[in-house]
Amino acid sequence: SAMTQPPPNSASSNQGKLGNLQAGTPQPAPPSAPPTPPAPNNQGKLAGLQEPLQLPPPPPTPPGPAVHASTVPPPGGQRTRRIPVWALVVAGVLVLIVVAGALAVGRTNPEAPAQAGNSAPAPAIAAPAAPATDVYSAPPDVAGLITLVKASTFAVYCGDFSGTGFMLDPSDVGTSGIGSVIVTNHHVVETCLDGVIPEVGIDGSTVSARVLDFDVTNDLALLSADIDVPPLQASTSPVAGEWVMAVGNPLGVDGTVTFGTVTNLLPDEAWITTDAAISPGNSGGPLTNNRGQVIGVNSEAWQGDFGSSMGASREIRQLCQRLVACRP
């Protein structure tokens, strides 16, 4: 097998170097290493640290007033003056006296001008006066009220014409001195003014009556008859919107009752309008409030263009002004 041979000069070169070493031939010295820097002198620094550190003296502080936690002044300093307790009490009392005097002046002089920044309160708006009683509600005992009014209401006949009348005690609205009277419409007894005797129907029978007085303008008339019927009281202060009841004999049906409200007041003509049903035959009957007081005498039914109707009653005050001497 073939073997790799060393280069021809490599063996002789190494043999020469080895011979020189064995013969003591001096060899060139290897290059010297760079000089090592001297070690730092830490001992001197350590010795300086072990000595006490000398700090420079602080600058002088300017003198100032001493501050003390107690009330005892320092020797040679100014003394702190304390305010006596009695002086504080007197000052407080004087302040209270001044404040109380200012308040008293403000109460006794309400017209004094307000100080800057304080506006005077606006005056309160007075609420409208309300009725003394609840006139707008139905009475708690409707059946009892119907019985009361029907006992004082009856039919009035004059020839072939019939209407309604009721017994009234006018003493609470006037001073006629004639006692209780029967009230009806003038047009109910108009034909009886020529000698025909009017009649009133009581308990299925009729009793003769006579005309005491009448007022054509307000369509009112007063009758008298020998009957024992409890009278109704009157009220001269109707209110728009109040509850009302109409009792009468419409179309010849005795004791018919309808309910409604006062829809309007026409003071110039002394009319009361109501939505309580009023029909022919109701003329002369009472329109009462929820306490059974008569506020009007049912007189007419106003017909509208589309078949609607509105009841009209004469205010009871017209009876007082025209037929009964009223209180001044």
C-alpha atoms as a PDB file:
ATOM      1  CA  SER A   1       0.000   0.000   0.000  1.00  0.00           C
ATOM      2  CA  ALA A   2       1.138   3.502  -0.709  1.00  0.00           C
ATOM      3  CA  MET A   3       2.128   5.728   2.357  1.00  0.00           C
ATOM      4  CA  THR A   4       2.252   9.542   2.662  1.00  0.00           C
ATOM      5  CA  GLN A   5       5.825  10.836   2.847  1.00  0.00           C
ATOM      6  CA  PRO A   6       6.778  13.945   4.859  1.00  0.00           C
ATOM      7  CA  PRO A   7       8.111  16.925   2.978  1.00  0.00           C
ATOM      8  CA  PRO A   8      11.852  16.452   2.158  1.00  0.00           C
ATOM      9  CA  ASN A   9      13.030  19.386   4.283  1.00  0.00           C
ATOM     10  CA  SER A  10      10.950  18.815   7.408  1.00  0.00           C
ATOM     11  CA  ALA A  11      13.146  16.061   8.992  1.00  0.00           C
ATOM     12  CA  SER A  12      16.471  17.737   8.385  1.00  0.00           C
ATOM     13  CA  SER A  13      15.176  21.012   9.781  1.00  0.00           C
ATOM     14  CA  ASN A  14      14.063  19.436  13.031  1.00  0.00           C
ATOM     15  CA  GLN A  15      17.335  17.457  13.340  1.00  0.00           C
ATOM     16  CA  GLY A  16      19.294  20.646  13.073  1.00  0.00           C
ATOM     17  CA  LYS A  17      17.334  22.330  15.858  1.00  0.00           C
ATOM     18  CA  LEU A  18      17.782  19.285  18.086  1.00  0.00           C
ATOM     19  CA  GLY A  19      21.563  19.219  17.473  1.00  0.00           C
ATOM     20  CA  ASN A  20      21.882  22.868  18.447  1.00  0.00           C
ATOM     21  CA  LEU A  21      20.067  22.229  21.709  1.00  0.00           C
ATOM     22  CA  GLN A  22      22.311  19.290  22.613  1.00  0.00           C
ATOM     23  CA  ALA A  23      25.495  21.244  21.783  1.00  0.00           C
ATOM     24  CA  GLY A  24      24.482  24.171  24.065  1.00  0.00           C
ATOM     25  CA  THR A  25      24.090  26.696  21.336  1.00  0.00           C
ATOM     26  CA  PRO A  26      22.251  29.741  22.781  1.00  0.00           C
ATOM     27  CA  GLN A  27      18.835  30.236  21.409  1.00  0.00           C
ATOM     28  CA  PRO A  28      17.253  33.627  20.904  1.00  0.00           C
ATOM     29  CA  ALA A  29      15.170  34.682  23.972  1.00  0.00           C
ATOM     30  CA  PRO A  30      11.407  34.829  23.536  1.00  0.00           C
ATOM     31  CA  PRO A  31       9.910  38.261  23.404  1.00  0.00           C
ATOM     32  CA  SER A  32       9.424  39.764  26.861  1.00  0.00           C
ATOM     33  CA  ALA A  33       5.935  40.474  28.270  1.00  0.00           C
ATOM     34  CA  PRO A  34       4.805  44.136  28.688  1.00  0.00           C
ATOM     35  CA  PRO A  35       5.610  45.663  32.105  1.00  0.00           C
ATOM     36  CA  THR A  36       2.924  45.255  34.820  1.00  0.00           C
ATOM     37  CA  PRO A  37       1.593  48.589  36.189  1.00  0.00           C
ATOM     38  CA  PRO A  38       2.243  49.144  39.901  1.00  0.00           C
ATOM     39  CA  ALA A  39      -0.566  48.246  42.320  1.00  0.00           C
ATOM     40  CA  PRO A  40      -2.628  51.170  43.555  1.00  0.00           C
ATOM     41  CA  ASN A  41      -1.779  52.557  46.948  1.00  0.00           C
ATOM     42  CA  ASN A  42      -4.961  51.561  48.804  1.00  0.00           C
ATOM     43  CA  GLN A  43      -3.296  51.596  52.147  1.00  0.00           C
ATOM     44  CA  GLY A  44      -3.041  55.368  52.162  1.00  0.00           C
ATOM     45  CA  LYS A  45      -6.686  55.747  51.247  1.00  0.00           C
ATOM     46  CA  LEU A  46      -7.671  53.227  53.915  1.00  0.00           C
ATOM     47  CA  ALA A  47      -5.692  55.173  56.481  1.00  0.00           C
ATOM     48  CA  GLY A  48      -7.503  58.367  55.478  1.00  0.00           C
ATOM     49  CA  LEU A  49     -10.935  56.717  55.902  1.00  0.00           C
ATOM     50  CA  GLN A  50     -10.075  55.514  59.365  1.00  0.00           C
ATOM     51  CA  GLU A  51      -9.465  59.099  60.540  1.00  0.00           C
ATOM     52  CA  PRO A  52     -12.621  61.125  61.656  1.00  0.00           C
ATOM     53  CA  LEU A  53     -14.196  63.073  58.841  1.00  0.00           C
ATOM     54  CA  GLN A  54     -13.751  66.819  59.303  1.00  0.00           C
ATOM     55  CA  LEU A  55     -16.870  68.697  58.060  1.00  0.00           C
ATOM     56  CA  PRO A  56     -16.788  72.433  57.469  1.00  0.00           C
ATOM     57  CA  PRO A  57     -18.621  74.489  60.099  1.00  0.00           C
ATOM     58  CA  PRO A  58     -22.224  75.473  59.182  1.00  0.00           C
ATOM     59  CA  PRO A  59     -22.949  79.135  58.348  1.00  0.00           C
ATOM     60  CA  PRO A  60     -24.273  81.224  61.220  1.00  0.00           C
ATOM     61  CA  THR A  61     -28.150  81.307  61.550  1.00  0.00           C
ATOM     62  CA  PRO A  62     -29.686  84.787  61.850  1.00  0.00           C
ATOM     63  CA  PRO A  63     -31.411  85.339  65.140  1.00  0.00           C
ATOM     64  CA  GLY A  64     -35.252  85.192  65.176  1.00  0.00           C
ATOM     65  CA  PRO A  65     -38.100  85.219  67.654  1.00  0.00           C
ATOM     66  CA  ALA A  66     -38.319  82.132  69.762  1.00  0.00           C
ATOM     67  CA  VAL A  67     -41.426  79.963  69.554  1.00  0.00           C
ATOM     68  CA  HIS A  68     -42.695  78.518  72.832  1.00  0.00           C
ATOM     69  CA  ALA A  69     -45.264  75.780  73.383  1.00  0.00           C
ATOM     70  CA  SER A  70     -46.393  77.229  76.702  1.00  0.00           C
ATOM     71  CA  THR A  71     -47.604  80.658  77.778  1.00  0.00           C
ATOM     72  CA  VAL A  72     -44.479  81.315  79.860  1.00  0.00           C
ATOM     73  CA  PRO A  73     -42.249  83.782  77.984  1.00  0.00           C
ATOM     74  CA  PRO A  74     -38.510  83.108  77.708  1.00  0.00           C
ATOM     75  CA  PRO A  75     -36.195  85.078  79.992  1.00  0.00           C
ATOM     76  CA  GLY A  76     -35.639  88.571  78.655  1.00  0.00           C
ATOM     77  CA  GLY A  77     -38.280  88.165  75.836  1.00  0.00           C
ATOM     78  CA  GLN A  78     -41.601  89.936  75.322  1.00  0.00           C
ATOM     79  CA  ARG A  79     -44.538  88.676  77.386  1.00  0.00           C
ATOM     80  CA  THR A  80     -47.649  87.352  75.536  1.00  0.00           C
ATOM     81  CA  ARG A  81     -50.820  89.171  76.702  1.00  0.00           C
ATOM     82  CA  ARG A  82     -53.829  86.874  77.296  1.00  0.00           C
ATOM     83  CA  ILE A  83     -57.446  88.126  76.746  1.00  0.00           C
ATOM     84  CA  PRO A  84     -59.421  87.634  79.972  1.00  0.00           C
ATOM     85  CA  VAL A  85     -62.426  85.295  79.796  1.00  0.00           C
ATOM     86  CA  TRP A  86     -64.813  87.966  81.119  1.00  0.00           C
ATOM     87  CA  ALA A  87     -63.881  90.214  78.168  1.00  0.00           C
ATOM     88  CA  LEU A  88     -64.873  87.481  75.689  1.00  0.00           C
ATOM     89  CA  VAL A  89     -68.198  86.958  77.483  1.00  0.00           C
ATOM     90  CA  VAL A  90     -68.983  90.687  77.403  1.00  0.00           C
ATOM     91  CA  ALA A  91     -68.148  90.904  73.690  1.00  0.00           C
ATOM     92  CA  GLY A  92     -70.443  87.950  72.915  1.00  0.00           C
ATOM     93  CA  VAL A  93     -73.324  89.508  74.853  1.00  0.00           C
ATOM     94  CA  LEU A  94     -72.916  92.798  72.977  1.00  0.00           C
ATOM     95  CA  VAL A  95     -73.010  90.981  69.613  1.00  0.00           C
ATOM     96  CA  LEU A  96     -76.246  89.198  70.585  1.00  0.00           C
ATOM     97  CA  ILE A  97     -77.844  92.483  71.648  1.00  0.00           C
ATOM     98  CA  VAL A  98     -76.981  94.121  68.324  1.00  0.00           C
ATOM     99  CA  VAL A  99     -78.356  91.186  66.274  1.00  0.00           C
ATOM    100  CA  ALA A 100     -81.583  91.055  68.304  1.00  0.00           C
ATOM    101  CA  GLY A 101     -82.103  94.794  67.861  1.00  0.00           C
ATOM    102  CA  ALA A 102     -81.656  94.518  64.086  1.00  0.00           C
ATOM    103  CA  LEU A 103     -84.226  91.722  63.874  1.00  0.00           C
ATOM    104  CA  ALA A 104     -86.710  93.691  65.974  1.00  0.00           C
ATOM    105  CA  VAL A 105     -86.370  96.715  63.697  1.00  0.00           C
ATOM    106  CA  GLY A 106     -87.007  94.537  60.642  1.00  0.00           C
ATOM    107  CA  ARG A 107     -90.196  93.097  62.140  1.00  0.00           C
ATOM    108  CA  THR A 108     -91.606  96.440  63.252  1.00  0.00           C
ATOM    109  CA  ASN A 109     -90.777  98.156  59.964  1.00  0.00           C
ATOM    110  CA  PRO A 110     -91.872  95.769  57.188  1.00  0.00           C
ATOM    111  CA  GLU A 111     -91.839  98.570  54.605  1.00  0.00           C
ATOM    112  CA  ALA A 112     -88.073  99.167  55.026  1.00  0.00           C
ATOM    113  CA  PRO A 113     -86.212  98.647  51.728  1.00  0.00           C
ATOM    114  CA  ALA A 114     -84.623  95.267  51.293  1.00  0.00           C
ATOM    115  CA  GLN A 115     -80.856  95.112  51.521  1.00  0.00           C
ATOM    116  CA  ALA A 116     -78.790  94.426  48.436  1.00  0.00           C
ATOM    117  CA  GLY A 117     -78.932  90.793  47.430  1.00  0.00           C
ATOM    118  CA  ASN A 118     -82.167  90.093  49.343  1.00  0.00           C
ATOM    119  CA  SER A 119     -85.348  90.372  47.242  1.00  0.00           C
ATOM    120  CA  ALA A 120     -88.683  90.804  48.983  1.00  0.00           C
ATOM    121  CA  PRO A 121     -90.979  87.711  48.759  1.00  0.00           C
ATOM    122  CA  ALA A 122     -93.782  87.920  46.221  1.00  0.00           C
ATOM    123  CA  PRO A 123     -97.270  88.295  47.709  1.00  0.00           C
ATOM    124  CA  ALA A 124     -99.319  85.116  47.780  1.00  0.00           C
ATOM    125  CA  ILE A 125    -102.170  84.820  45.271  1.00  0.00           C
ATOM    126  CA  ALA A 126    -105.471  84.398  47.056  1.00  0.00           C
ATOM    127  CA  ALA A 127    -107.413  81.307  46.020  1.00  0.00           C
ATOM    128  CA  PRO A 128    -110.995  81.816  44.857  1.00  0.00           C
ATOM    129  CA  ALA A 129    -113.581  81.378  47.560  1.00  0.00           C
ATOM    130  CA  ALA A 130    -115.113  77.907  47.556  1.00  0.00           C
ATOM    131  CA  PRO A 131    -118.764  77.229  48.392  1.00  0.00           C
ATOM    132  CA  ALA A 132    -119.401  76.660  52.081  1.00  0.00           C
ATOM    133  CA  THR A 133    -120.777  73.209  51.299  1.00  0.00           C
ATOM    134  CA  ASP A 134    -120.182  70.668  48.552  1.00  0.00           C
ATOM    135  CA  VAL A 135    -122.941  71.717  46.146  1.00  0.00           C
ATOM    136  CA  TYR A 136    -121.542  69.638  43.274  1.00  0.00           C
ATOM    137  CA  SER A 137    -122.083  66.147  44.667  1.00  0.00           C
ATOM    138  CA  ALA A 138    -125.257  64.131  44.882  1.00  0.00           C
ATOM    139  CA  PRO A 139    -126.734  63.994  48.404  1.00  0.00           C
ATOM    140  CA  PRO A 140    -125.757  61.003  50.548  1.00  0.00           C
ATOM    141  CA  ASP A 141    -129.465  60.041  50.863  1.00  0.00           C
ATOM    142  CA  VAL A 142    -131.030  60.534  47.446  1.00  0.00           C
ATOM    143  CA  ALA A 143    -134.117  58.473  48.326  1.00  0.00           C
ATOM    144  CA  GLY A 144    -134.752  60.569  51.433  1.00  0.00           C
ATOM    145  CA  LEU A 145    -134.389  63.793  49.443  1.00  0.00           C
ATOM    146  CA  ILE A 146    -136.875  62.550  46.833  1.00  0.00           C
ATOM    147  CA  THR A 147    -139.401  61.720  49.568  1.00  0.00           C
ATOM    148  CA  LEU A 148    -138.979  65.173  51.139  1.00  0.00           C
ATOM    149  CA  VAL A 149    -139.518  67.111  47.909  1.00  0.00           C
ATOM    150  CA  LYS A 150    -142.323  64.946  46.529  1.00  0.00           C
ATOM    151  CA  ALA A 151    -144.292  65.419  49.780  1.00  0.00           C
ATOM    152  CA  SER A 152    -144.409  69.158  49.042  1.00  0.00           C
ATOM    153  CA  THR A 153    -145.057  68.930  45.282  1.00  0.00           C
ATOM    154  CA  PHE A 154    -148.412  68.323  43.556  1.00  0.00           C
ATOM    155  CA  ALA A 155    -150.353  68.817  40.344  1.00  0.00           C
ATOM    156  CA  VAL A 156    -152.140  72.084  39.541  1.00  0.00           C
ATOM    157  CA  TYR A 157    -155.192  72.089  37.236  1.00  0.00           C
ATOM    158  CA  CYS A 158    -156.756  75.049  35.484  1.00  0.00           C
ATOM    159  CA  GLY A 159    -159.490  73.974  33.097  1.00  0.00           C
ATOM    160  CA  ASP A 160    -157.983  71.655  30.514  1.00  0.00           C
ATOM    161  CA  PHE A 161    -154.440  72.741  31.339  1.00  0.00           C
ATOM    162  CA  SER A 162    -152.275  71.061  34.011  1.00  0.00           C
ATOM    163  CA  GLY A 163    -148.926  71.850  35.510  1.00  0.00           C
ATOM    164  CA  THR A 164    -147.064  71.563  38.810  1.00  0.00           C
ATOM    165  CA  GLY A 165    -146.972  73.526  42.047  1.00  0.00           C
ATOM    166  CA  PHE A 166    -145.142  73.209  45.393  1.00  0.00           C
ATOM    167  CA  MET A 167    -145.532  74.551  48.906  1.00  0.00           C
ATOM    168  CA  LEU A 168    -142.838  77.052  49.903  1.00  0.00           C
ATOM    169  CA  ASP A 169    -142.001  78.768  53.165  1.00  0.00           C
ATOM    170  CA  PRO A 170    -140.610  82.146  52.040  1.00  0.00           C
ATOM    171  CA  SER A 171    -139.759  83.335  55.545  1.00  0.00           C
ATOM    172  CA  ASP A 172    -136.039  82.619  55.057  1.00  0.00           C
ATOM    173  CA  VAL A 173    -135.829  84.839  51.951  1.00  0.00           C
ATOM    174  CA  GLY A 174    -138.500  87.429  52.635  1.00  0.00           C
ATOM    175  CA  THR A 175    -140.810  88.961  55.232  1.00  0.00           C
ATOM    176  CA  SER A 176    -144.149  88.611  53.486  1.00  0.00           C
ATOM    177  CA  GLY A 177    -146.013  87.616  56.632  1.00  0.00           C
ATOM    178  CA  ILE A 178    -148.426  85.466  54.609  1.00  0.00           C
ATOM    179  CA  GLY A 179    -146.949  82.138  55.714  1.00  0.00           C
ATOM    180  CA  SER A 180    -146.465  79.224  53.361  1.00  0.00           C
ATOM    181  CA  VAL A 181    -147.764  79.640  49.831  1.00  0.00           C
ATOM    182  CA  ILE A 182    -148.179  77.481  46.730  1.00  0.00           C
ATOM    183  CA  VAL A 183    -145.822  78.527  43.929  1.00  0.00           C
ATOM    184  CA  THR A 184    -146.439  77.788  40.252  1.00  0.00           C
ATOM    185  CA  ASN A 185    -146.070  79.438  36.825  1.00  0.00           C
ATOM    186  CA  HIS A 186    -148.266  82.244  35.646  1.00  0.00           C
ATOM    187  CA  HIS A 187    -149.025  80.437  32.383  1.00  0.00           C
ATOM    188  CA  VAL A 188    -150.314  77.407  34.352  1.00  0.00           C
ATOM    189  CA  VAL A 189    -153.142  79.447  35.944  1.00  0.00           C
ATOM    190  CA  GLU A 190    -153.486  82.134  33.268  1.00  0.00           C
ATOM    191  CA  THR A 191    -156.898  80.891  32.114  1.00  0.00           C
ATOM    192  CA  CYS A 192    -158.113  80.776  35.729  1.00  0.00           C
ATOM    193  CA  LEU A 193    -157.867  84.565  36.047  1.00  0.00           C
ATOM    194  CA  ASP A 194    -161.225  84.939  34.281  1.00  0.00           C
ATOM    195  CA  GLY A 195    -163.230  83.211  36.998  1.00  0.00           C
ATOM    196  CA  VAL A 196    -162.189  79.596  36.527  1.00  0.00           C
ATOM    197  CA  ILE A 197    -161.263  78.068  39.881  1.00  0.00           C
ATOM    198  CA  PRO A 198    -157.836  76.387  39.944  1.00  0.00           C
ATOM    199  CA  GLU A 199    -157.410  73.068  41.705  1.00  0.00           C
ATOM    200  CA  VAL A 200    -154.523  71.166  43.249  1.00  0.00           C
ATOM    201  CA  GLY A 201    -154.265  67.400  43.340  1.00  0.00           C
ATOM    202  CA  ILE A 202    -153.459  65.786  46.693  1.00  0.00           C
ATOM    203  CA  ASP A 203    -153.480  62.008  47.318  1.00  0.00           C
ATOM    204  CA  GLY A 204    -155.618  61.246  44.286  1.00  0.00           C
ATOM    205  CA  SER A 205    -158.179  63.971  44.999  1.00  0.00           C
ATOM    206  CA  THR A 206    -158.450  67.655  44.104  1.00  0.00           C
ATOM    207  CA  VAL A 207    -158.870  70.701  46.324  1.00  0.00           C
ATOM    208  CA  SER A 208    -159.996  74.140  45.187  1.00  0.00           C
ATOM    209  CA  ALA A 209    -157.435  76.953  45.287  1.00  0.00           C
ATOM    210  CA  ARG A 210    -157.354  80.666  44.617  1.00  0.00           C
ATOM    211  CA  VAL A 211    -154.803  82.953  43.008  1.00  0.00           C
ATOM    212  CA  LEU A 212    -153.132  85.334  45.471  1.00  0.00           C
ATOM    213  CA  ASP A 213    -150.780  87.199  43.142  1.00  0.00           C
ATOM    214  CA  PHE A 214    -148.884  86.773  39.892  1.00  0.00           C
ATOM    215  CA  ASP A 215    -145.999  88.222  37.885  1.00  0.00           C
ATOM    216  CA  VAL A 216    -146.391  88.035  34.128  1.00  0.00           C
ATOM    217  CA  THR A 217    -142.839  89.175  33.369  1.00  0.00           C
ATOM    218  CA  ASN A 218    -141.183  86.390  35.342  1.00  0.00           C
ATOM    219  CA  ASP A 219    -144.011  83.856  34.751  1.00  0.00           C
ATOM    220  CA  LEU A 220    -144.703  83.332  38.473  1.00  0.00           C
ATOM    221  CA  ALA A 221    -147.900  82.995  40.494  1.00  0.00           C
ATOM    222  CA  LEU A 222    -148.911  82.425  44.129  1.00  0.00           C
ATOM    223  CA  LEU A 223    -151.850  80.215  45.153  1.00  0.00           C
ATOM    224  CA  SER A 224    -153.580  79.375  48.376  1.00  0.00           C
ATOM    225  CA  ALA A 225    -155.432  76.140  49.243  1.00  0.00           C
ATOM    226  CA  ASP A 226    -156.729  74.367  52.319  1.00  0.00           C
ATOM    227  CA  ILE A 227    -154.142  71.585  52.356  1.00  0.00           C
ATOM    228  CA  ASP A 228    -151.676  70.349  54.940  1.00  0.00           C
ATOM    229  CA  VAL A 229    -148.417  70.024  53.064  1.00  0.00           C
ATOM    230  CA  PRO A 230    -144.917  70.527  54.550  1.00  0.00           C
ATOM    231  CA  PRO A 231    -143.235  73.546  52.925  1.00  0.00           C
ATOM    232  CA  LEU A 232    -139.823  73.565  51.276  1.00  0.00           C
ATOM    233  CA  GLN A 233    -137.074  76.058  52.059  1.00  0.00           C
ATOM    234  CA  ALA A 234    -135.574  78.376  49.455  1.00  0.00           C
ATOM    235  CA  SER A 235    -132.031  79.298  48.398  1.00  0.00           C
ATOM    236  CA  THR A 236    -131.135  82.425  46.449  1.00  0.00           C
ATOM    237  CA  SER A 237    -127.522  81.451  45.672  1.00  0.00           C
ATOM    238  CA  PRO A 238    -127.388  78.935  42.800  1.00  0.00           C
ATOM    239  CA  VAL A 239    -123.930  77.943  41.533  1.00  0.00           C
ATOM    240  CA  ALA A 240    -123.024  76.863  38.012  1.00  0.00           C
ATOM    241  CA  GLY A 241    -122.224  73.160  38.016  1.00  0.00           C
ATOM    242  CA  GLU A 242    -124.128  72.268  41.192  1.00  0.00           C
ATOM    243  CA  TRP A 243    -126.226  69.129  41.471  1.00  0.00           C
ATOM    244  CA  VAL A 244    -129.993  69.649  40.995  1.00  0.00           C
ATOM    245  CA  MET A 245    -133.216  67.670  40.955  1.00  0.00           C
ATOM    246  CA  ALA A 246    -136.465  68.542  39.138  1.00  0.00           C
ATOM    247  CA  VAL A 247    -139.807  67.169  40.428  1.00  0.00           C
ATOM    248  CA  GLY A 248    -143.099  67.582  38.615  1.00  0.00           C
ATOM    249  CA  ASN A 249    -145.959  66.119  36.571  1.00  0.00           C
ATOM    250  CA  PRO A 250    -144.714  65.991  32.965  1.00  0.00           C
ATOM    251  CA  LEU A 251    -147.359  64.779  30.514  1.00  0.00           C
ATOM    252  CA  GLY A 252    -149.695  64.217  33.453  1.00  0.00           C
ATOM    253  CA  VAL A 253    -147.433  61.647  35.205  1.00  0.00           C
ATOM    254  CA  ASP A 254    -147.383  62.697  38.851  1.00  0.00           C
ATOM    255  CA  GLY A 255    -144.199  62.697  40.937  1.00  0.00           C
ATOM    256  CA  THR A 256    -141.664  62.385  38.114  1.00  0.00           C
ATOM    257  CA  VAL A 257    -138.048  62.981  39.179  1.00  0.00           C
ATOM    258  CA  THR A 258    -135.050  63.922  36.991  1.00  0.00           C
ATOM    259  CA  PHE A 259    -131.462  64.803  37.928  1.00  0.00           C
ATOM    260  CA  GLY A 260    -128.811  67.045  36.417  1.00  0.00           C
ATOM    261  CA  THR A 261    -126.641  70.088  37.042  1.00  0.00           C
ATOM    262  CA  VAL A 262    -126.925  73.843  36.706  1.00  0.00           C
ATOM    263  CA  THR A 263    -125.408  74.304  33.258  1.00  0.00           C
ATOM    264  CA  ASN A 264    -125.437  78.092  33.317  1.00  0.00           C
ATOM    265  CA  LEU A 265    -126.709  81.201  35.066  1.00  0.00           C
ATOM    266  CA  LEU A 266    -128.212  84.126  33.146  1.00  0.00           C
ATOM    267  CA  PRO A 267    -128.453  86.788  35.849  1.00  0.00           C
ATOM    268  CA  ASP A 268    -129.767  89.555  33.589  1.00  0.00           C
ATOM    269  CA  GLU A 269    -132.897  87.540  32.825  1.00  0.00           C
ATOM    270  CA  ALA A 270    -132.840  85.611  36.148  1.00  0.00           C
ATOM    271  CA  TRP A 271    -132.759  82.299  34.286  1.00  0.00           C
ATOM    272  CA  ILE A 272    -131.153  79.073  35.433  1.00  0.00           C
ATOM    273  CA  THR A 273    -130.387  76.547  32.694  1.00  0.00           C
ATOM    274  CA  THR A 274    -130.142  72.851  33.535  1.00  0.00           C
ATOM    275  CA  ASP A 275    -129.686  69.520  31.814  1.00  0.00           C
ATOM    276  CA  ALA A 276    -132.240  67.904  34.122  1.00  0.00           C
ATOM    277  CA  ALA A 277    -135.120  66.850  31.838  1.00  0.00           C
ATOM    278  CA  ILE A 278    -138.031  69.308  31.845  1.00  0.00           C
ATOM    279  CA  SER A 279    -141.117  68.491  29.737  1.00  0.00           C
ATOM    280  CA  PRO A 280    -144.629  69.950  29.330  1.00  0.00           C
ATOM    281  CA  GLY A 281    -146.354  69.490  32.670  1.00  0.00           C
ATOM    282  CA  ASN A 282    -143.175  70.233  34.666  1.00  0.00           C
ATOM    283  CA  SER A 283    -144.083  73.937  34.552  1.00  0.00           C
ATOM    284  CA  GLY A 284    -144.300  75.424  38.033  1.00  0.00           C
ATOM    285  CA  GLY A 285    -142.412  72.583  39.729  1.00  0.00           C
ATOM    286  CA  PRO A 286    -139.341  73.022  41.992  1.00  0.00           C
ATOM    287  CA  LEU A 287    -135.684  72.794  40.969  1.00  0.00           C
ATOM    288  CA  THR A 288    -133.864  71.879  44.181  1.00  0.00           C
ATOM    289  CA  ASN A 289    -130.230  71.575  45.217  1.00  0.00           C
ATOM    290  CA  ASN A 290    -128.679  68.610  47.042  1.00  0.00           C
ATOM    291  CA  ARG A 291    -130.065  69.893  50.371  1.00  0.00           C
ATOM    292  CA  GLY A 292    -133.655  70.036  49.160  1.00  0.00           C
ATOM    293  CA  GLN A 293    -133.727  73.822  48.908  1.00  0.00           C
ATOM    294  CA  VAL A 294    -135.590  75.359  45.976  1.00  0.00           C
ATOM    295  CA  ILE A 295    -133.289  77.422  43.745  1.00  0.00           C
ATOM    296  CA  GLY A 296    -135.641  77.830  40.776  1.00  0.00           C
ATOM    297  CA  VAL A 297    -139.166  77.379  39.380  1.00  0.00           C
ATOM    298  CA  ASN A 298    -139.159  75.170  36.272  1.00  0.00           C
ATOM    299  CA  SER A 299    -140.760  77.148  33.444  1.00  0.00           C
ATOM    300  CA  GLU A 300    -139.648  76.168  29.938  1.00  0.00           C
ATOM    301  CA  ALA A 301    -137.853  73.626  27.792  1.00  0.00           C
ATOM    302  CA  TRP A 302    -135.748  75.319  25.118  1.00  0.00           C
ATOM    303  CA  GLN A 303    -135.542  73.274  21.934  1.00  0.00           C
ATOM    304  CA  GLY A 304    -132.448  73.270  19.752  1.00  0.00           C
ATOM    305  CA  ASP A 305    -132.260  72.978  15.974  1.00  0.00           C
ATOM    306  CA  PHE A 306    -131.228  69.315  16.101  1.00  0.00           C
ATOM    307  CA  GLY A 307    -133.827  68.067  18.582  1.00  0.00           C
ATOM    308  CA  SER A 308    -131.769  68.768  21.739  1.00  0.00           C
ATOM    309  CA  SER A 309    -133.435  70.611  24.608  1.00  0.00           C
ATOM    310  CA  MET A 310    -132.386  72.583  27.664  1.00  0.00           C
ATOM    311  CA  GLY A 311    -134.458  73.188  30.758  1.00  0.00           C
ATOM    312  CA  ALA A 312    -134.960  76.739  31.989  1.00  0.00           C
ATOM    313  CA  SER A 313    -136.018  77.783  35.491  1.00  0.00           C
ATOM    314  CA  ARG A 314    -136.703  81.165  37.014  1.00  0.00           C
ATOM    315  CA  GLU A 315    -134.461  81.972  39.950  1.00  0.00           C
ATOM    316  CA  ILE A 316    -136.310  81.881  43.252  1.00  0.00           C
ATOM    317  CA  ARG A 317    -134.966  85.357  44.052  1.00  0.00           C
ATOM    318  CA  GLN A 318    -137.346  86.740  41.412  1.00  0.00           C
ATOM    319  CA  LEU A 319    -140.254  85.453  43.475  1.00  0.00           C
ATOM    320  CA  CYS A 320    -138.814  87.257  46.467  1.00  0.00           C
ATOM    321  CA  GLN A 321    -138.269  90.517  44.591  1.00  0.00           C
ATOM    322  CA  ARG A 322    -141.630  90.616  42.773  1.00  0.00           C
ATOM    323  CA  LEU A 323    -144.155  88.775  44.945  1.00  0.00           C
ATOM    324  CA  VAL A 324    -142.685  88.630  48.435  1.00  0.00           C
ATOM    325  CA  ALA A 325    -141.329  91.600  50.369  1.00  0.00           C
ATOM    326  CA  CYS A 326    -137.648  90.729  50.775  1.00  0.00           C
ATOM    327  CA  ARG A 327    -135.324  91.777  53.550  1.00  0.00           C
ATOM    328  CA  PRO A 328    -133.288  94.876  52.721  1.00  0.00           C
END
